[in-house]
Amino acid sequence: QVQLVESGGGLVQAGGSLRLSCAASGTQYSINSMNWYRQAPGKAHELVATITSGGRTNYADSVKGRFTISRDNTKNTVYLQMNSLKPEDTAVYYCNLRVVAGFSYWGQGTQVTVSS
């Protein structure tokens, strides 16, 4: 059974930083990509950042230059370093794992709140 365990959310002032972590376990398939999504109240689910098995990254325009996604393949862990946080970054952040067999798995979500 695949498990994604997220940590690192919290309350921070605007301009501050947070680092999210997501540890994956239990997958029998090769990983295609690991991703971070977020959902703010009343807004659509948004893809924030992606990192492929080959290390290629991609970011939403709203976070480019402020967020950095990285992964530790030895630990099957993905990180999201969030700097220069803005109140509009407030959301529940979800870790997502896609495997080459086509399955997609989700973490439980972690709340990030940025105060102005």
N, C-alpha and C. Protein backbone atom coordinates (compact mmCIF):
# COMPACT_ATOMS: atom_id res chain seq x y z
N GLN A 1 0.84 -1.19 0.00
CA GLN A 1 0.00 0.00 0.00
C GLN A 1 0.88 1.24 0.00
N VAL A 2 0.60 2.11 -0.95
CA VAL A 2 1.41 3.32 -1.08
C VAL A 2 0.99 4.33 -0.01
N GLN A 3 1.97 4.89 0.63
CA GLN A 3 1.73 5.96 1.61
C GLN A 3 2.57 7.17 1.28
N LEU A 4 1.97 8.33 1.38
CA LEU A 4 2.68 9.59 1.23
C LEU A 4 2.48 10.37 2.52
N VAL A 5 3.56 10.65 3.21
CA VAL A 5 3.48 11.35 4.49
C VAL A 5 4.11 12.72 4.33
N GLU A 6 3.28 13.73 4.53
CA GLU A 6 3.72 15.12 4.35
C GLU A 6 4.02 15.75 5.71
N SER A 7 4.91 16.71 5.67
CA SER A 7 5.20 17.49 6.87
C SER A 7 5.75 18.85 6.47
N GLY A 8 5.75 19.77 7.42
CA GLY A 8 6.41 21.04 7.20
C GLY A 8 5.50 22.24 7.04
N GLY A 9 4.20 22.03 7.00
CA GLY A 9 3.30 23.17 6.88
C GLY A 9 3.25 23.97 8.17
N GLY A 10 2.56 25.10 8.11
CA GLY A 10 2.43 25.91 9.31
C GLY A 10 2.04 27.33 8.99
N LEU A 11 2.22 28.19 9.99
CA LEU A 11 1.89 29.61 9.88
C LEU A 11 3.18 30.41 9.78
N VAL A 12 3.23 31.30 8.82
CA VAL A 12 4.43 32.11 8.62
C VAL A 12 4.00 33.50 8.16
N GLN A 13 4.80 34.49 8.48
CA GLN A 13 4.52 35.84 8.01
C GLN A 13 4.93 36.01 6.56
N ALA A 14 4.29 36.94 5.90
CA ALA A 14 4.64 37.24 4.52
C ALA A 14 6.13 37.56 4.42
N GLY A 15 6.76 37.00 3.38
CA GLY A 15 8.20 37.16 3.21
C GLY A 15 9.01 36.04 3.82
N GLY A 16 8.36 35.21 4.61
CA GLY A 16 9.05 34.12 5.28
C GLY A 16 9.18 32.90 4.40
N SER A 17 9.70 31.83 5.00
CA SER A 17 9.97 30.59 4.27
C SER A 17 9.43 29.39 5.03
N LEU A 18 9.10 28.39 4.26
CA LEU A 18 8.73 27.08 4.80
C LEU A 18 9.28 26.01 3.87
N ARG A 19 9.52 24.82 4.43
CA ARG A 19 9.95 23.70 3.62
C ARG A 19 9.01 22.52 3.88
N LEU A 20 8.38 22.08 2.82
CA LEU A 20 7.50 20.92 2.90
C LEU A 20 8.27 19.67 2.50
N SER A 21 7.93 18.57 3.15
CA SER A 21 8.52 17.28 2.81
C SER A 21 7.42 16.27 2.57
N CYS A 22 7.70 15.31 1.71
CA CYS A 22 6.75 14.24 1.42
C CYS A 22 7.54 12.96 1.21
N ALA A 23 7.35 12.02 2.12
CA ALA A 23 8.05 10.74 2.03
C ALA A 23 7.09 9.68 1.49
N ALA A 24 7.52 9.03 0.43
CA ALA A 24 6.71 7.99 -0.21
C ALA A 24 7.23 6.61 0.17
N SER A 25 6.29 5.71 0.40
CA SER A 25 6.68 4.33 0.70
C SER A 25 5.64 3.38 0.13
N GLY A 26 6.05 2.15 -0.11
CA GLY A 26 5.10 1.10 -0.49
C GLY A 26 4.84 0.94 -1.97
N THR A 27 5.45 1.80 -2.82
CA THR A 27 5.17 1.64 -4.24
C THR A 27 6.04 0.54 -4.84
N GLN A 28 5.45 -0.30 -5.65
CA GLN A 28 6.18 -1.36 -6.32
C GLN A 28 6.55 -0.96 -7.73
N TYR A 29 6.10 0.22 -8.17
CA TYR A 29 6.35 0.67 -9.53
C TYR A 29 7.40 1.77 -9.53
N SER A 30 8.05 1.92 -10.66
CA SER A 30 8.98 3.02 -10.81
C SER A 30 8.23 4.34 -10.81
N ILE A 31 8.86 5.33 -10.22
CA ILE A 31 8.22 6.64 -10.11
C ILE A 31 8.41 7.43 -11.39
N ASN A 32 7.33 8.01 -11.88
CA ASN A 32 7.38 8.86 -13.06
C ASN A 32 7.69 10.30 -12.63
N SER A 33 6.88 10.80 -11.72
CA SER A 33 7.10 12.15 -11.23
C SER A 33 6.54 12.29 -9.82
N MET A 34 7.06 13.28 -9.12
CA MET A 34 6.52 13.67 -7.83
C MET A 34 6.14 15.14 -7.93
N ASN A 35 5.00 15.48 -7.37
CA ASN A 35 4.40 16.79 -7.62
C ASN A 35 3.82 17.38 -6.33
N TRP A 36 3.75 18.68 -6.34
CA TRP A 36 3.04 19.41 -5.28
C TRP A 36 1.87 20.16 -5.91
N TYR A 37 0.71 19.98 -5.33
CA TYR A 37 -0.49 20.73 -5.69
C TYR A 37 -0.90 21.55 -4.48
N ARG A 38 -1.77 22.51 -4.72
CA ARG A 38 -2.35 23.25 -3.61
C ARG A 38 -3.79 23.61 -3.94
N GLN A 39 -4.56 23.80 -2.88
CA GLN A 39 -5.93 24.25 -3.05
C GLN A 39 -6.26 25.26 -1.96
N ALA A 40 -6.58 26.46 -2.40
CA ALA A 40 -7.02 27.51 -1.49
C ALA A 40 -8.54 27.49 -1.44
N PRO A 41 -9.11 28.01 -0.35
CA PRO A 41 -10.58 28.03 -0.23
C PRO A 41 -11.22 28.75 -1.41
N GLY A 42 -12.19 28.09 -2.02
CA GLY A 42 -12.91 28.69 -3.13
C GLY A 42 -12.17 28.72 -4.44
N LYS A 43 -10.99 28.10 -4.49
CA LYS A 43 -10.19 28.11 -5.71
C LYS A 43 -9.97 26.69 -6.22
N ALA A 44 -9.61 26.60 -7.47
CA ALA A 44 -9.36 25.29 -8.08
C ALA A 44 -8.04 24.71 -7.59
N HIS A 45 -7.99 23.40 -7.71
CA HIS A 45 -6.76 22.68 -7.42
C HIS A 45 -5.68 23.16 -8.40
N GLU A 46 -4.49 23.48 -7.90
CA GLU A 46 -3.45 24.05 -8.75
C GLU A 46 -2.17 23.22 -8.65
N LEU A 47 -1.59 22.88 -9.79
CA LEU A 47 -0.29 22.23 -9.82
C LEU A 47 0.77 23.28 -9.55
N VAL A 48 1.53 23.10 -8.50
CA VAL A 48 2.52 24.09 -8.08
C VAL A 48 3.89 23.77 -8.66
N ALA A 49 4.32 22.52 -8.53
CA ALA A 49 5.66 22.15 -8.99
C ALA A 49 5.72 20.66 -9.27
N THR A 50 6.60 20.32 -10.21
CA THR A 50 6.79 18.93 -10.63
C THR A 50 8.27 18.64 -10.72
N ILE A 51 8.64 17.42 -10.34
CA ILE A 51 9.99 16.94 -10.60
C ILE A 51 9.87 15.52 -11.12
N THR A 52 10.51 15.28 -12.27
CA THR A 52 10.43 13.96 -12.90
C THR A 52 11.51 13.05 -12.34
N SER A 53 11.44 11.79 -12.74
CA SER A 53 12.45 10.84 -12.30
C SER A 53 13.83 11.23 -12.79
N GLY A 54 13.86 11.94 -13.89
CA GLY A 54 15.14 12.39 -14.43
C GLY A 54 15.61 13.71 -13.84
N GLY A 55 14.81 14.28 -12.96
CA GLY A 55 15.23 15.51 -12.30
C GLY A 55 14.75 16.79 -12.97
N ARG A 56 13.94 16.65 -14.02
CA ARG A 56 13.42 17.85 -14.69
C ARG A 56 12.35 18.48 -13.81
N THR A 57 12.39 19.79 -13.69
CA THR A 57 11.42 20.49 -12.85
C THR A 57 10.56 21.44 -13.66
N ASN A 58 9.38 21.71 -13.12
CA ASN A 58 8.48 22.67 -13.75
C ASN A 58 7.67 23.32 -12.64
N TYR A 59 7.36 24.61 -12.85
CA TYR A 59 6.68 25.38 -11.81
C TYR A 59 5.51 26.16 -12.38
N ALA A 60 4.53 26.39 -11.54
CA ALA A 60 3.47 27.32 -11.89
C ALA A 60 4.08 28.72 -11.97
N ASP A 61 3.54 29.53 -12.87
CA ASP A 61 4.07 30.88 -13.03
C ASP A 61 4.01 31.66 -11.71
N SER A 62 3.01 31.38 -10.91
CA SER A 62 2.81 32.14 -9.67
C SER A 62 3.89 31.89 -8.62
N VAL A 63 4.67 30.82 -8.78
CA VAL A 63 5.68 30.50 -7.77
C VAL A 63 7.11 30.48 -8.32
N LYS A 64 7.24 30.69 -9.62
CA LYS A 64 8.58 30.66 -10.22
C LYS A 64 9.49 31.69 -9.56
N GLY A 65 10.70 31.26 -9.27
CA GLY A 65 11.67 32.14 -8.63
C GLY A 65 11.55 32.20 -7.12
N ARG A 66 10.48 31.63 -6.58
CA ARG A 66 10.29 31.65 -5.12
C ARG A 66 10.28 30.24 -4.52
N PHE A 67 9.76 29.29 -5.26
CA PHE A 67 9.67 27.90 -4.78
C PHE A 67 10.68 27.04 -5.52
N THR A 68 11.19 26.03 -4.81
CA THR A 68 12.11 25.07 -5.41
C THR A 68 11.70 23.67 -5.00
N ILE A 69 11.51 22.82 -6.01
CA ILE A 69 11.19 21.42 -5.74
C ILE A 69 12.47 20.60 -5.90
N SER A 70 12.64 19.64 -5.02
CA SER A 70 13.81 18.76 -5.10
C SER A 70 13.41 17.39 -4.57
N ARG A 71 14.26 16.42 -4.80
CA ARG A 71 13.95 15.08 -4.32
C ARG A 71 15.21 14.34 -3.92
N ASP A 72 15.03 13.46 -2.96
CA ASP A 72 16.09 12.55 -2.54
C ASP A 72 15.66 11.16 -2.95
N ASN A 73 16.24 10.66 -4.03
CA ASN A 73 15.81 9.37 -4.57
C ASN A 73 16.10 8.23 -3.61
N THR A 74 17.11 8.37 -2.78
CA THR A 74 17.45 7.29 -1.86
C THR A 74 16.40 7.14 -0.77
N LYS A 75 15.68 8.24 -0.52
CA LYS A 75 14.65 8.22 0.53
C LYS A 75 13.25 8.30 -0.04
N ASN A 76 13.13 8.34 -1.38
CA ASN A 76 11.82 8.53 -2.02
C ASN A 76 11.07 9.70 -1.39
N THR A 77 11.79 10.78 -1.22
CA THR A 77 11.24 11.95 -0.57
C THR A 77 11.35 13.15 -1.50
N VAL A 78 10.28 13.94 -1.55
CA VAL A 78 10.29 15.17 -2.33
C VAL A 78 10.11 16.34 -1.38
N TYR A 79 10.75 17.43 -1.72
CA TYR A 79 10.72 18.64 -0.89
C TYR A 79 10.19 19.81 -1.71
N LEU A 80 9.60 20.75 -1.01
CA LEU A 80 9.22 22.01 -1.64
C LEU A 80 9.70 23.13 -0.73
N GLN A 81 10.75 23.80 -1.16
CA GLN A 81 11.28 24.96 -0.44
C GLN A 81 10.51 26.18 -0.91
N MET A 82 9.87 26.84 0.00
CA MET A 82 9.03 27.99 -0.34
C MET A 82 9.61 29.24 0.32
N ASN A 83 10.08 30.16 -0.48
CA ASN A 83 10.65 31.41 0.00
C ASN A 83 9.78 32.58 -0.43
N SER A 84 10.00 33.71 0.20
CA SER A 84 9.26 34.93 -0.13
C SER A 84 7.76 34.66 -0.20
N LEU A 85 7.27 34.01 0.81
CA LEU A 85 5.86 33.61 0.81
C LEU A 85 4.95 34.82 0.85
N LYS A 86 3.82 34.68 0.16
CA LYS A 86 2.82 35.73 0.07
C LYS A 86 1.50 35.22 0.66
N PRO A 87 0.63 36.11 1.09
CA PRO A 87 -0.67 35.66 1.61
C PRO A 87 -1.43 34.81 0.61
N GLU A 88 -1.25 35.09 -0.68
CA GLU A 88 -1.97 34.30 -1.70
C GLU A 88 -1.42 32.89 -1.85
N ASP A 89 -0.33 32.57 -1.18
CA ASP A 89 0.18 31.20 -1.15
C ASP A 89 -0.55 30.35 -0.11
N THR A 90 -1.39 30.98 0.68
CA THR A 90 -2.13 30.24 1.69
C THR A 90 -3.03 29.20 1.03
N ALA A 91 -2.87 27.96 1.46
CA ALA A 91 -3.61 26.85 0.85
C ALA A 91 -3.28 25.57 1.59
N VAL A 92 -4.01 24.52 1.27
CA VAL A 92 -3.61 23.18 1.66
C VAL A 92 -2.74 22.63 0.54
N TYR A 93 -1.57 22.19 0.89
CA TYR A 93 -0.62 21.67 -0.10
C TYR A 93 -0.63 20.15 -0.06
N TYR A 94 -0.72 19.55 -1.25
CA TYR A 94 -0.82 18.11 -1.38
C TYR A 94 0.36 17.56 -2.17
N CYS A 95 0.93 16.51 -1.68
CA CYS A 95 1.94 15.77 -2.40
C CYS A 95 1.26 14.75 -3.31
N ASN A 96 1.80 14.59 -4.50
CA ASN A 96 1.24 13.64 -5.47
C ASN A 96 2.37 12.83 -6.08
N LEU A 97 2.12 11.55 -6.21
CA LEU A 97 3.11 10.64 -6.79
C LEU A 97 2.48 9.96 -8.01
N ARG A 98 3.18 10.01 -9.12
CA ARG A 98 2.72 9.30 -10.32
C ARG A 98 3.75 8.24 -10.67
N VAL A 99 3.24 7.03 -10.90
CA VAL A 99 4.14 5.94 -11.24
C VAL A 99 3.97 5.57 -12.71
N VAL A 100 4.94 4.85 -13.24
CA VAL A 100 4.94 4.57 -14.67
C VAL A 100 3.79 3.67 -15.09
N ALA A 101 3.19 2.95 -14.13
CA ALA A 101 2.04 2.10 -14.45
C ALA A 101 0.77 2.92 -14.66
N GLY A 102 0.84 4.21 -14.39
CA GLY A 102 -0.30 5.08 -14.62
C GLY A 102 -1.09 5.44 -13.38
N PHE A 103 -0.72 4.88 -12.23
CA PHE A 103 -1.44 5.21 -11.00
C PHE A 103 -0.95 6.53 -10.43
N SER A 104 -1.85 7.13 -9.66
CA SER A 104 -1.54 8.40 -9.01
C SER A 104 -1.95 8.31 -7.55
N TYR A 105 -1.09 8.79 -6.67
CA TYR A 105 -1.34 8.70 -5.24
C TYR A 105 -1.22 10.08 -4.62
N TRP A 106 -1.97 10.27 -3.52
CA TRP A 106 -2.02 11.58 -2.88
C TRP A 106 -1.71 11.50 -1.40
N GLY A 107 -1.06 12.54 -0.91
CA GLY A 107 -0.87 12.69 0.52
C GLY A 107 -2.12 13.28 1.16
N GLN A 108 -2.06 13.42 2.47
CA GLN A 108 -3.23 13.87 3.22
C GLN A 108 -3.39 15.39 3.19
N GLY A 109 -2.36 16.08 2.78
CA GLY A 109 -2.41 17.54 2.72
C GLY A 109 -1.83 18.17 3.96
N THR A 110 -1.20 19.31 3.78
CA THR A 110 -0.65 20.06 4.90
C THR A 110 -0.99 21.54 4.70
N GLN A 111 -1.45 22.18 5.76
CA GLN A 111 -1.90 23.56 5.67
C GLN A 111 -0.73 24.51 5.72
N VAL A 112 -0.71 25.43 4.79
CA VAL A 112 0.25 26.54 4.80
C VAL A 112 -0.56 27.83 4.89
N THR A 113 -0.28 28.63 5.91
CA THR A 113 -0.97 29.89 6.10
C THR A 113 0.07 31.01 6.17
N VAL A 114 -0.10 32.00 5.30
CA VAL A 114 0.81 33.13 5.25
C VAL A 114 0.06 34.38 5.68
N SER A 115 0.49 34.98 6.76
CA SER A 115 -0.18 36.16 7.27
C SER A 115 0.46 37.42 6.69
N SER A 116 -0.37 38.44 6.52
CA SER A 116 0.14 39.69 5.92
C SER A 116 0.66 40.64 6.99
